[in-house]
């Protein structure tokens, strides 16, 4: 008997050992994959800041990026960085971003000389300002006849190239911006000339590099930078050395952002929010792949700025929102003005309340970016939120529930009001508690839907058990079972709403677990919602 047991144990050990090895190897592979993914993300973020946008990112944007604390915030910042510069944000294509990367590719192809083209001076100017309107090349250097504004005369030069821009938007350099690049090392790397005579090969050779002005005794090495050949002051100092230095300094600053309509939105992100608000998103099934997404915004009236208008106090807040795909395509834009009007007698009590706004948007399941911008019209204060939302999918063969909405107000509507107005879901009016915080004087509303209940083959009816489990600190402190008569005649999709009394609960943090059991298919789900009792 003992021999049989030992034999059985050895056989089991022999069978389990390879499985254990395989499981350990899978764990190592998963860890290696996570580590590799993390390293890839780190390389991308560092490369994006130091290479991709190093010439066009402003100092404020760089400081804001450095202050972010996690990768989700950094990826959100990158999304907004490009959106801020997109001339047509409602289209799928970001023309600015595409043109920027085209310029980098062109610079690497045409200006590489011992180092990547994007790192060279010509590459930097091309990436920041695009192709020049005119190019004058002197690749071989050699004999060169100076124009009159350089003093005239003949000299010998290093290889040099002159770029001419008729006008550069956002840079205070006037018309006709001229940039000179000189290859003093004959390696093909042309550097911006800080001195208008930097290209002269004989500059430091006595007598051999005189201008025509000097030959005629009307100038010296200093005055030729600042005078006409006739000896009069060179009035605009176009090619003067100080002007050249000022020009180079201006050209090396990040270009100004042209699209002011989006600049205000993103500036709020950089300067931090000055108008606080909160929001929440919920998900209600319409079809398997189309989800109704209520977006609820709440703000304290005490944070709003009231002004006296015709004997009453009035506050107005603009709510602007946009939902985009991860590729940047705009899916939905919404805008509304939230107003509060209070007579003097009720002003104090009005300040103690909150203002809510809600929009409901049908979305296909997937990942989206939500942008919310609120502006107090009386004070000019702004508040912003940039956040990703994942809209779930509800496959027909899986038991599932909608979001559990904990509500300050929950009531059934008369038939004529069903389906219309803010905060209306089906036949109910549901005012979500965005902060999920409740006083004990009123019951808490609980609203949710159950999807894809199986039907009994004989009765063609579903059978389900719903239990509400109240917990505090992970410990169960109460349980309620939904009675069978309330579920009688239920369809494959059920809507449940319940009022939960809070008057006997001590202040603190709680969680409500809703256990839904499909008695026909013998499967269950248990979504959880957390809340605070004040």
Protein backbone atom coordinates (compact mmCIF):
# COMPACT_ATOMS: atom_id res chain seq x y z
CA UNK A 1 0.00 0.00 0.00
CA UNK A 2 2.85 2.38 0.92
CA UNK A 3 4.64 1.47 -2.30
CA UNK A 4 1.54 2.36 -4.31
CA UNK A 5 1.29 5.74 -2.56
CA UNK A 6 4.98 6.49 -3.22
CA UNK A 7 4.56 5.46 -6.83
CA UNK A 8 1.52 7.72 -7.20
CA UNK A 9 3.41 10.61 -5.58
CA UNK A 10 6.38 10.16 -7.90
CA UNK A 11 4.12 10.02 -10.95
CA UNK A 12 2.32 13.20 -9.88
CA UNK A 13 5.63 14.91 -9.16
CA UNK A 14 6.93 13.88 -12.58
CA UNK A 15 3.81 15.31 -14.22
CA UNK A 16 3.72 18.51 -12.17
CA UNK A 17 7.42 19.30 -12.43
CA UNK A 18 7.35 20.23 -16.15
CA UNK A 19 4.17 22.25 -15.55
CA UNK A 20 5.85 24.14 -12.71
CA UNK A 21 8.87 24.82 -14.92
CA UNK A 22 6.63 26.02 -17.75
CA UNK A 23 4.68 28.29 -15.36
CA UNK A 24 7.90 29.73 -13.96
CA UNK A 25 9.18 30.36 -17.48
CA UNK A 26 5.92 32.08 -18.42
CA UNK A 27 6.23 34.30 -15.34
CA UNK A 28 9.79 35.23 -16.32
CA UNK A 29 8.65 35.97 -19.89
CA UNK A 30 5.87 38.23 -18.60
CA UNK A 31 8.28 40.08 -16.33
CA UNK A 32 10.76 40.46 -19.19
CA UNK A 33 8.00 41.72 -21.47
CA UNK A 34 6.86 44.29 -18.89
CA UNK A 35 10.45 45.41 -18.35
CA UNK A 36 11.03 45.72 -22.10
CA UNK A 37 7.78 47.65 -22.53
CA UNK A 38 8.80 50.00 -19.71
CA UNK A 39 12.24 50.57 -21.24
CA UNK A 40 10.64 51.25 -24.63
CA UNK A 41 8.29 53.82 -23.09
CA UNK A 42 11.16 55.51 -21.25
CA UNK A 43 13.23 55.70 -24.44
CA UNK A 44 10.27 57.15 -26.36
CA UNK A 45 9.55 59.85 -23.77
CA UNK A 46 13.21 60.88 -23.50
CA UNK A 47 13.62 60.86 -27.29
CA UNK A 48 10.42 62.86 -27.76
CA UNK A 49 11.62 65.66 -25.47
CA UNK A 50 15.31 65.72 -26.41
CA UNK A 51 15.00 65.03 -30.13
CA UNK A 52 11.51 65.15 -31.63
CA UNK A 53 10.41 68.53 -30.25
CA UNK A 54 13.59 69.97 -28.75
CA UNK A 55 13.50 72.96 -31.14
CA UNK A 56 9.80 73.80 -30.99
CA UNK A 57 8.83 73.18 -27.37
CA UNK A 58 8.55 76.37 -25.30
CA UNK A 59 10.27 76.82 -21.95
CA UNK A 60 6.89 76.82 -20.17
CA UNK A 61 5.93 73.57 -21.86
CA UNK A 62 9.28 72.00 -20.99
CA UNK A 63 8.90 72.99 -17.33
CA UNK A 64 5.37 71.59 -17.29
CA UNK A 65 6.51 68.31 -18.85
CA UNK A 66 9.33 67.98 -16.31
CA UNK A 67 6.85 68.50 -13.46
CA UNK A 68 4.60 65.59 -14.50
CA UNK A 69 4.76 62.58 -12.19
CA UNK A 70 3.64 59.58 -14.27
CA UNK A 71 3.65 58.32 -17.85
CA UNK A 72 -0.11 58.69 -18.31
CA UNK A 73 0.20 62.42 -17.65
CA UNK A 74 3.19 62.62 -20.02
CA UNK A 75 1.33 60.89 -22.85
CA UNK A 76 -1.63 63.20 -22.25
CA UNK A 77 0.75 66.16 -22.44
CA UNK A 78 2.16 64.93 -25.76
CA UNK A 79 -1.36 64.57 -27.15
CA UNK A 80 -2.18 68.14 -26.11
CA UNK A 81 1.17 69.45 -27.37
CA UNK A 82 0.31 68.45 -30.92
CA UNK A 83 -3.36 69.41 -30.60
CA UNK A 84 -2.31 72.87 -29.52
CA UNK A 85 -0.52 73.34 -32.85
CA UNK A 86 -3.06 71.60 -35.10
CA UNK A 87 -4.55 74.12 -37.56
CA UNK A 88 -7.63 71.88 -38.09
CA UNK A 89 -8.28 70.02 -34.81
CA UNK A 90 -11.63 68.62 -35.99
CA UNK A 91 -10.03 66.54 -38.77
CA UNK A 92 -8.24 63.19 -38.48
CA UNK A 93 -4.97 64.66 -39.78
CA UNK A 94 -2.69 66.90 -37.73
CA UNK A 95 -0.99 68.84 -40.52
CA UNK A 96 1.51 70.52 -38.21
CA UNK A 97 2.76 67.25 -36.70
CA UNK A 98 3.05 65.56 -40.10
CA UNK A 99 4.97 68.52 -41.54
CA UNK A 100 7.26 68.61 -38.49
CA UNK A 101 8.31 64.98 -38.90
CA UNK A 102 8.68 65.45 -42.66
CA UNK A 103 11.14 68.25 -41.96
CA UNK A 104 13.13 66.05 -39.55
CA UNK A 105 13.34 63.31 -42.21
CA UNK A 106 14.42 65.85 -44.83
CA UNK A 107 17.07 67.32 -42.52
CA UNK A 108 18.49 63.87 -41.80
CA UNK A 109 18.61 63.12 -45.52
CA UNK A 110 20.13 66.40 -46.74
CA UNK A 111 22.15 67.94 -43.90
CA UNK A 112 23.90 64.98 -42.25
CA UNK A 113 27.64 65.61 -41.90
CA UNK A 114 29.33 63.53 -39.25
CA UNK A 115 26.20 63.90 -37.10
CA UNK A 116 22.53 63.50 -37.81
CA UNK A 117 21.05 66.25 -39.96
CA UNK A 118 18.50 67.29 -37.33
CA UNK A 119 21.38 68.21 -34.99
CA UNK A 120 23.05 70.60 -37.44
CA UNK A 121 22.38 74.33 -37.66
CA UNK A 122 20.76 73.99 -41.06
CA UNK A 123 18.65 71.12 -39.79
CA UNK A 124 17.50 73.17 -36.80
CA UNK A 125 16.50 76.16 -38.94
CA UNK A 126 14.74 73.93 -41.48
CA UNK A 127 12.78 72.06 -38.78
CA UNK A 128 11.75 75.29 -37.05
CA UNK A 129 10.97 77.46 -40.08
CA UNK A 130 10.69 75.20 -43.10
CA UNK A 131 12.34 75.63 -46.50
CA UNK A 132 13.75 79.11 -47.23
CA UNK A 133 12.33 81.24 -50.03
CA UNK A 134 15.74 81.57 -51.65
CA UNK A 135 19.09 79.76 -51.34
CA UNK A 136 22.48 81.05 -52.51
CA UNK A 137 25.24 78.43 -52.44
CA UNK A 138 29.01 78.72 -52.52
CA UNK A 139 29.98 75.13 -51.79
CA UNK A 140 33.50 75.48 -53.11
CA UNK A 141 34.33 78.79 -51.45
CA UNK A 142 37.16 80.63 -53.28
CA UNK A 143 36.98 84.06 -54.90
CA UNK A 144 34.08 86.19 -53.76
CA UNK A 145 33.07 89.76 -54.62
CA UNK A 146 31.48 91.39 -51.63
CA UNK A 147 28.21 93.31 -52.06
CA UNK A 148 28.30 96.97 -51.14
CA UNK A 149 26.71 96.44 -47.71
CA UNK A 150 29.70 94.24 -46.76
CA UNK A 151 32.16 96.93 -47.87
CA UNK A 152 32.80 95.76 -51.46
CA UNK A 153 36.10 94.39 -52.72
CA UNK A 154 37.33 90.92 -53.62
CA UNK A 155 38.27 88.22 -51.14
CA UNK A 156 38.51 84.46 -50.75
CA UNK A 157 35.96 82.58 -48.64
CA UNK A 158 35.25 79.30 -46.96
CA UNK A 159 32.28 77.35 -48.38
CA UNK A 160 29.09 79.14 -47.32
CA UNK A 161 25.35 79.09 -47.97
CA UNK A 162 22.84 81.92 -47.57
CA UNK A 163 19.19 81.29 -46.81
CA UNK A 164 16.67 84.06 -47.32
CA UNK A 165 13.18 84.11 -45.80
CA UNK A 166 10.87 86.87 -46.97
CA UNK A 167 9.10 86.80 -43.60
CA UNK A 168 9.01 84.56 -40.52
CA UNK A 169 5.72 84.56 -38.67
CA UNK A 170 5.96 85.00 -34.91
CA UNK A 171 9.53 86.38 -34.92
CA UNK A 172 10.14 90.11 -34.65
CA UNK A 173 12.87 90.34 -37.29
CA UNK A 174 10.99 92.27 -39.93
CA UNK A 175 11.10 91.44 -43.64
CA UNK A 176 13.92 89.66 -45.46
CA UNK A 177 15.49 87.43 -42.80
CA UNK A 178 18.92 86.33 -44.04
CA UNK A 179 20.75 83.38 -42.42
CA UNK A 180 24.33 82.60 -43.39
CA UNK A 181 25.93 79.18 -42.84
CA UNK A 182 29.71 78.74 -43.12
CA UNK A 183 31.74 75.51 -43.42
CA UNK A 184 35.05 76.53 -41.85
CA UNK A 185 36.23 72.92 -41.45
CA UNK A 186 35.49 71.74 -45.02
CA UNK A 187 33.59 68.75 -43.56
CA UNK A 188 30.18 69.63 -44.96
CA UNK A 189 28.87 70.91 -41.62
CA UNK A 190 27.65 74.45 -42.17
CA UNK A 191 27.29 76.46 -38.98
CA UNK A 192 25.36 79.69 -38.49
CA UNK A 193 27.72 82.64 -38.86
CA UNK A 194 27.68 84.97 -35.88
CA UNK A 195 29.89 87.44 -37.73
CA UNK A 196 29.01 88.73 -41.22
CA UNK A 197 32.69 88.29 -42.18
CA UNK A 198 33.06 84.81 -40.68
CA UNK A 199 33.12 83.26 -44.15
CA UNK A 200 36.23 85.23 -45.16
CA UNK A 201 39.13 82.80 -45.43
CA UNK A 202 41.71 85.60 -45.24
CA UNK A 203 40.04 87.48 -42.42
CA UNK A 204 43.07 87.25 -40.13
CA UNK A 205 45.65 87.83 -42.86
CA UNK A 206 47.01 91.43 -42.81
CA UNK A 207 46.34 93.52 -45.95
CA UNK A 208 44.98 90.49 -47.84
CA UNK A 209 41.33 90.89 -46.77
CA UNK A 210 40.64 94.60 -47.14
CA UNK A 211 37.29 95.85 -48.28
CA UNK A 212 37.00 98.36 -51.07
CA UNK A 213 36.14 100.94 -48.45
CA UNK A 214 39.39 100.21 -46.60
CA UNK A 215 41.47 100.28 -49.78
CA UNK A 216 40.22 103.81 -50.37
CA UNK A 217 41.14 104.80 -46.83
CA UNK A 218 37.57 105.27 -45.62
CA UNK A 219 37.25 102.56 -43.01
CA UNK A 220 38.90 100.09 -40.68
CA UNK A 221 38.14 96.59 -39.36
CA UNK A 222 35.58 97.98 -36.89
CA UNK A 223 33.80 100.51 -39.04
CA UNK A 224 33.25 98.16 -41.94
CA UNK A 225 30.72 96.31 -39.75
CA UNK A 226 28.67 99.45 -39.17
CA UNK A 227 29.16 101.87 -42.09
CA UNK A 228 28.30 102.22 -45.72
CA UNK A 229 31.28 102.24 -48.09
CA UNK A 230 30.77 106.00 -48.31
CA UNK A 231 31.47 106.32 -44.60
CA UNK A 232 27.85 107.13 -43.61
CA UNK A 233 26.35 105.08 -40.84
CA UNK A 234 24.79 101.87 -42.15
CA UNK A 235 21.31 102.89 -41.03
CA UNK A 236 19.54 99.54 -40.63
CA UNK A 237 22.56 97.55 -39.45
CA UNK A 238 21.23 94.67 -41.53
CA UNK A 239 24.56 92.87 -41.76
CA UNK A 240 26.10 94.40 -38.63
CA UNK A 241 27.55 92.05 -36.07
CA UNK A 242 25.21 93.04 -33.22
CA UNK A 243 22.19 92.58 -35.46
CA UNK A 244 23.50 89.16 -36.46
CA UNK A 245 23.80 88.13 -32.82
CA UNK A 246 20.28 89.38 -32.03
CA UNK A 247 18.95 87.54 -35.07
CA UNK A 248 20.57 84.25 -34.08
CA UNK A 249 19.18 84.58 -30.55
CA UNK A 250 15.68 85.20 -31.91
CA UNK A 251 15.89 82.31 -34.37
CA UNK A 252 16.91 79.86 -31.66
CA UNK A 253 13.83 80.54 -29.57
CA UNK A 254 10.89 78.17 -30.01
CA UNK A 255 8.46 79.57 -32.63
CA UNK A 256 5.34 81.19 -31.27
CA UNK A 257 2.17 79.14 -31.49
CA UNK A 258 -0.08 80.47 -34.20
CA UNK A 259 -3.39 78.91 -33.25
CA UNK A 260 -4.60 81.09 -30.39
CA UNK A 261 -7.97 79.38 -30.06
CA UNK A 262 -6.28 76.28 -28.66
CA UNK A 263 -3.46 78.10 -26.91
CA UNK A 264 -5.71 79.35 -24.12
CA UNK A 265 -6.88 75.82 -23.38
CA UNK A 266 -3.42 74.37 -23.06
CA UNK A 267 -1.99 77.39 -21.24
CA UNK A 268 -4.40 76.45 -18.45
CA UNK A 269 -2.72 73.07 -18.25
CA UNK A 270 0.65 74.76 -17.96
CA UNK A 271 -0.31 77.32 -15.32
CA UNK A 272 -2.43 74.88 -13.31
CA UNK A 273 -6.13 75.14 -12.72
CA UNK A 274 -7.62 78.26 -11.18
CA UNK A 275 -11.25 77.15 -11.36
CA UNK A 276 -11.83 73.83 -9.56
CA UNK A 277 -14.45 71.33 -10.66
CA UNK A 278 -15.03 67.60 -10.66
CA UNK A 279 -16.53 65.19 -13.17
CA UNK A 280 -17.45 61.56 -13.75
CA UNK A 281 -18.25 59.28 -16.66
CA UNK A 282 -20.71 56.37 -16.65
CA UNK A 283 -21.49 53.68 -19.21
CA UNK A 284 -24.96 52.42 -20.13
CA UNK A 285 -25.45 49.77 -22.83
CA UNK A 286 -27.41 50.67 -25.96
CA UNK A 287 -26.25 47.80 -28.17
CA UNK A 288 -23.38 45.34 -27.79
CA UNK A 289 -20.90 47.84 -29.20
CA UNK A 290 -22.67 51.20 -28.72
CA UNK A 291 -22.53 52.63 -25.22
CA UNK A 292 -24.36 55.66 -23.86
CA UNK A 293 -21.75 57.67 -21.97
CA UNK A 294 -23.12 60.31 -19.56
CA UNK A 295 -20.48 62.89 -18.64
CA UNK A 296 -21.40 64.83 -15.49
CA UNK A 297 -19.60 67.98 -14.34
CA UNK A 298 -20.06 69.54 -10.89
CA UNK A 299 -18.75 72.81 -9.48
CA UNK A 300 -19.28 74.54 -6.15
CA UNK A 301 -21.26 77.74 -6.36
CA UNK A 302 -18.82 79.24 -3.87
CA UNK A 303 -16.05 78.88 -6.49
CA UNK A 304 -18.08 80.83 -9.04
CA UNK A 305 -17.81 84.62 -9.33
CA UNK A 306 -21.13 86.44 -8.90
CA UNK A 307 -21.84 89.96 -10.14
CA UNK A 308 -24.74 92.28 -9.48
CA UNK A 309 -26.97 92.40 -12.54
CA UNK A 310 -30.24 94.36 -12.25
CA UNK A 311 -30.60 93.73 -8.53
CA UNK A 312 -29.69 90.02 -8.49
CA UNK A 313 -26.46 88.03 -8.22
CA UNK A 314 -25.49 86.29 -11.44
CA UNK A 315 -22.69 83.84 -12.29
CA UNK A 316 -21.89 82.16 -15.62
CA UNK A 317 -19.49 79.35 -16.45
CA UNK A 318 -18.71 78.14 -19.97
CA UNK A 319 -18.34 74.36 -20.24
CA UNK A 320 -16.43 73.16 -23.30
CA UNK A 321 -15.68 69.51 -23.98
CA UNK A 322 -14.18 67.41 -26.72
CA UNK A 323 -13.83 63.67 -27.16
CA UNK A 324 -11.16 62.39 -29.54
CA UNK A 325 -9.83 58.99 -30.52
CA UNK A 326 -6.28 58.00 -29.65
CA UNK A 327 -5.31 58.96 -33.21
CA UNK A 328 -6.54 62.51 -32.62
CA UNK A 329 -9.78 62.33 -34.63
CA UNK A 330 -12.52 64.44 -33.07
CA UNK A 331 -15.59 62.35 -32.20
CA UNK A 332 -17.79 64.80 -30.31
CA UNK A 333 -17.63 68.45 -29.24
CA UNK A 334 -20.07 69.90 -26.72
CA UNK A 335 -20.46 73.34 -25.20
CA UNK A 336 -22.89 74.87 -22.72
CA UNK A 337 -23.25 77.83 -20.37
CA UNK A 338 -24.09 77.02 -16.75
CA UNK A 339 -25.83 79.94 -15.02
CA UNK A 340 -26.71 80.67 -11.41
CA UNK A 341 -29.04 83.57 -10.53
CA UNK A 342 -29.85 84.39 -6.91
CA UNK A 343 -31.66 87.30 -5.24
CA UNK A 344 -29.80 88.92 -2.34
CA UNK A 345 -31.98 87.16 0.22
CA UNK A 346 -31.02 83.70 -1.09
CA UNK A 347 -27.43 84.45 -2.06
CA UNK A 348 -25.86 82.92 1.05
CA UNK A 349 -27.77 79.65 0.69
CA UNK A 350 -26.99 79.56 -3.04
CA UNK A 351 -23.25 79.66 -2.32
CA UNK A 352 -23.62 76.52 -0.20
CA UNK A 353 -25.02 74.54 -3.16
CA UNK A 354 -23.49 73.09 -6.31
CA UNK A 355 -24.12 73.43 -10.04
CA UNK A 356 -24.29 70.37 -12.30
CA UNK A 357 -24.08 69.88 -16.04
CA UNK A 358 -24.47 66.64 -17.96
CA UNK A 359 -24.23 65.55 -21.56
CA UNK A 360 -24.90 62.03 -22.86
CA UNK A 361 -22.88 60.80 -25.81
CA UNK A 362 -23.24 57.45 -27.63
CA UNK A 363 -19.79 55.98 -28.23
CA UNK A 364 -18.47 52.77 -29.69
CA UNK A 365 -16.41 50.70 -27.27
CA UNK A 366 -12.73 51.64 -27.22
CA UNK A 367 -10.21 54.11 -25.83
CA UNK A 368 -10.82 57.87 -26.06
CA UNK A 369 -9.39 61.13 -24.82
CA UNK A 370 -11.70 63.46 -22.88
CA UNK A 371 -10.85 67.17 -22.68
CA UNK A 372 -12.88 69.44 -20.43
CA UNK A 373 -12.36 73.18 -20.11
CA UNK A 374 -14.43 75.38 -17.77
CA UNK A 375 -14.18 79.16 -17.75
CA UNK A 376 -15.74 81.48 -15.19
CA UNK A 377 -16.91 84.35 -17.42
CA UNK A 378 -16.89 86.94 -14.64
CA UNK A 379 -13.39 86.26 -13.30
CA UNK A 380 -11.71 84.64 -16.31
CA UNK A 381 -10.56 81.72 -14.14
CA UNK A 382 -10.06 78.46 -15.99
CA UNK A 383 -10.15 74.79 -15.09
CA UNK A 384 -9.08 71.89 -17.28
CA UNK A 385 -9.13 68.10 -17.35
CA UNK A 386 -7.34 65.88 -19.87
CA UNK A 387 -8.11 62.23 -19.25
CA UNK A 388 -8.39 58.96 -21.11
CA UNK A 389 -11.65 57.00 -20.91
CA UNK A 390 -12.10 53.37 -21.86
CA UNK A 391 -15.64 52.66 -23.07
CA UNK A 392 -16.41 48.99 -22.30
CA UNK A 393 -17.91 46.40 -24.59
CA UNK A 394 -20.83 44.21 -23.50
CA UNK A 395 -20.63 40.91 -25.46
CA UNK A 396 -24.00 39.19 -25.80
CA UNK A 397 -22.75 35.96 -24.19
CA UNK A 398 -21.38 37.51 -20.98
CA UNK A 399 -23.24 38.60 -17.85
CA UNK A 400 -22.45 42.24 -17.18
CA UNK A 401 -23.70 45.41 -15.49
CA UNK A 402 -23.60 49.09 -16.30
CA UNK A 403 -21.76 51.54 -14.08
CA UNK A 404 -23.20 51.67 -10.59
CA UNK A 405 -24.41 55.24 -10.26
CA UNK A 406 -24.67 56.51 -6.70
CA UNK A 407 -27.12 59.37 -6.86
CA UNK A 408 -28.09 62.39 -4.80
CA UNK A 409 -31.51 62.23 -6.42
CA UNK A 410 -33.24 59.21 -7.94
CA UNK A 411 -36.85 59.17 -9.07
CA UNK A 412 -39.13 57.66 -11.70
CA UNK A 413 -40.52 60.15 -14.20
CA UNK A 414 -44.03 60.60 -15.54
CA UNK A 415 -44.49 58.98 -18.93
CA UNK A 416 -44.46 62.30 -20.80
CA UNK A 417 -40.97 63.16 -19.44
CA UNK A 418 -39.32 59.83 -20.19
CA UNK A 419 -36.17 60.10 -22.29
CA UNK A 420 -35.89 63.90 -22.32
CA UNK A 421 -33.70 66.40 -20.49
CA UNK A 422 -30.46 66.26 -18.54
CA UNK A 423 -29.90 63.46 -16.01
CA UNK A 424 -32.65 61.32 -17.56
CA UNK A 425 -31.85 57.65 -18.21
CA UNK A 426 -34.79 55.73 -19.61
CA UNK A 427 -37.72 56.31 -17.28
CA UNK A 428 -35.69 57.66 -14.35
CA UNK A 429 -34.06 60.92 -13.38
CA UNK A 430 -30.62 60.18 -11.92
CA UNK A 431 -28.50 63.00 -10.46
CA UNK A 432 -25.10 61.39 -9.84
CA UNK A 433 -23.06 62.32 -6.82
CA UNK A 434 -19.85 63.14 -8.70
CA UNK A 435 -17.80 63.25 -5.48
CA UNK A 436 -19.63 60.10 -4.21
CA UNK A 437 -20.08 61.81 -0.84
CA UNK A 438 -23.41 61.82 1.03
CA UNK A 439 -24.94 63.34 4.11
CA UNK A 440 -26.80 61.09 6.51
CA UNK A 441 -30.03 63.08 6.40
CA UNK A 442 -31.11 61.72 2.99
CA UNK A 443 -31.02 58.22 1.45
CA UNK A 444 -28.47 57.41 -1.23
CA UNK A 445 -29.83 56.42 -4.65
CA UNK A 446 -28.39 53.35 -6.39
CA UNK A 447 -29.01 52.91 -10.13
CA UNK A 448 -27.61 50.26 -12.46
CA UNK A 449 -28.57 47.89 -15.26
CA UNK A 450 -27.95 44.16 -15.70
CA UNK A 451 -27.29 42.73 -19.16
CA UNK A 452 -27.43 39.33 -20.88
CA UNK A 453 -29.33 37.23 -18.38
CA UNK A 454 -29.96 33.71 -19.67
CA UNK A 455 -33.54 32.51 -20.17
CA UNK A 456 -34.95 29.26 -18.87
CA UNK A 457 -35.71 26.88 -21.77
CA UNK A 458 -39.14 25.98 -20.40
CA UNK A 459 -40.44 29.30 -19.11
CA UNK A 460 -38.39 31.50 -21.49
CA UNK A 461 -37.83 33.79 -18.51
CA UNK A 462 -34.59 34.75 -16.76
CA UNK A 463 -34.04 34.10 -13.09
CA UNK A 464 -31.66 36.25 -11.08
CA UNK A 465 -30.75 37.02 -7.50
CA UNK A 466 -29.58 40.51 -6.53
CA UNK A 467 -27.83 41.12 -3.20
CA UNK A 468 -26.61 44.48 -1.91
CA UNK A 469 -23.64 44.05 0.44
CA UNK A 470 -22.50 47.05 2.48
CA UNK A 471 -18.90 47.03 3.71
CA UNK A 472 -16.65 49.23 5.79
CA UNK A 473 -12.93 48.63 5.88
CA UNK A 474 -13.44 45.36 4.00
CA UNK A 475 -15.81 44.04 6.67
CA UNK A 476 -19.44 43.32 5.83
CA UNK A 477 -21.84 45.34 7.96
CA UNK A 478 -25.12 44.77 6.13
CA UNK A 479 -26.79 42.77 3.39
CA UNK A 480 -30.10 43.08 1.53
CA UNK A 481 -31.66 40.60 -0.89
CA UNK A 482 -33.84 41.81 -3.75
CA UNK A 483 -37.18 39.99 -3.34
CA UNK A 484 -38.30 37.53 -6.04
CA UNK A 485 -41.53 39.38 -6.72
CA UNK A 486 -39.61 42.46 -7.81
CA UNK A 487 -37.74 40.36 -10.35
CA UNK A 488 -40.79 38.55 -11.65
CA UNK A 489 -41.25 38.92 -15.37
CA UNK A 490 -37.77 40.41 -15.75
CA UNK A 491 -36.24 40.45 -19.21
CA UNK A 492 -32.68 39.63 -20.29
CA UNK A 493 -31.87 43.24 -19.43
CA UNK A 494 -32.98 44.64 -16.10
CA UNK A 495 -32.89 48.12 -14.61
CA UNK A 496 -32.60 48.27 -10.84
CA UNK A 497 -32.81 51.29 -8.61
CA UNK A 498 -32.83 51.43 -4.84
CA UNK A 499 -32.72 53.97 -2.03
CA UNK A 500 -30.29 53.13 0.77
CA UNK A 501 -30.80 54.80 4.16
CA UNK A 502 -27.61 56.27 5.63
CA UNK A 503 -28.94 57.78 8.87
CA UNK A 504 -27.58 54.95 11.05
CA UNK A 505 -24.11 54.92 9.48
CA UNK A 506 -21.14 56.58 11.17
CA UNK A 507 -19.18 59.06 9.05
CA UNK A 508 -16.44 57.37 7.06
CA UNK A 509 -15.63 55.46 3.89
CA UNK A 510 -17.84 52.61 2.70
CA UNK A 511 -18.28 50.34 -0.30
CA UNK A 512 -21.38 48.84 -1.83
CA UNK A 513 -21.00 45.50 -3.61
CA UNK A 514 -23.89 44.44 -5.84
CA UNK A 515 -23.82 40.66 -6.32
CA UNK A 516 -25.80 39.64 -9.41
CA UNK A 517 -26.33 35.90 -9.86
CA UNK A 518 -27.81 34.44 -13.04
CA UNK A 519 -29.61 31.37 -11.67
CA UNK A 520 -30.22 29.88 -15.12
CA UNK A 521 -26.65 30.05 -16.46
CA UNK A 522 -25.08 29.71 -12.98
CA UNK A 523 -22.82 32.73 -13.37
CA UNK A 524 -22.39 35.96 -11.44
CA UNK A 525 -20.79 39.37 -11.35
CA UNK A 526 -20.10 41.62 -8.36
CA UNK A 527 -19.36 45.27 -9.27
CA UNK A 528 -18.41 47.60 -6.42
CA UNK A 529 -18.91 51.30 -5.77
CA UNK A 530 -17.19 53.29 -3.04
CA UNK A 531 -18.63 56.29 -1.22
CA UNK A 532 -18.19 58.52 1.81
CA UNK A 533 -20.74 59.32 4.50
CA UNK A 534 -20.28 62.84 5.82
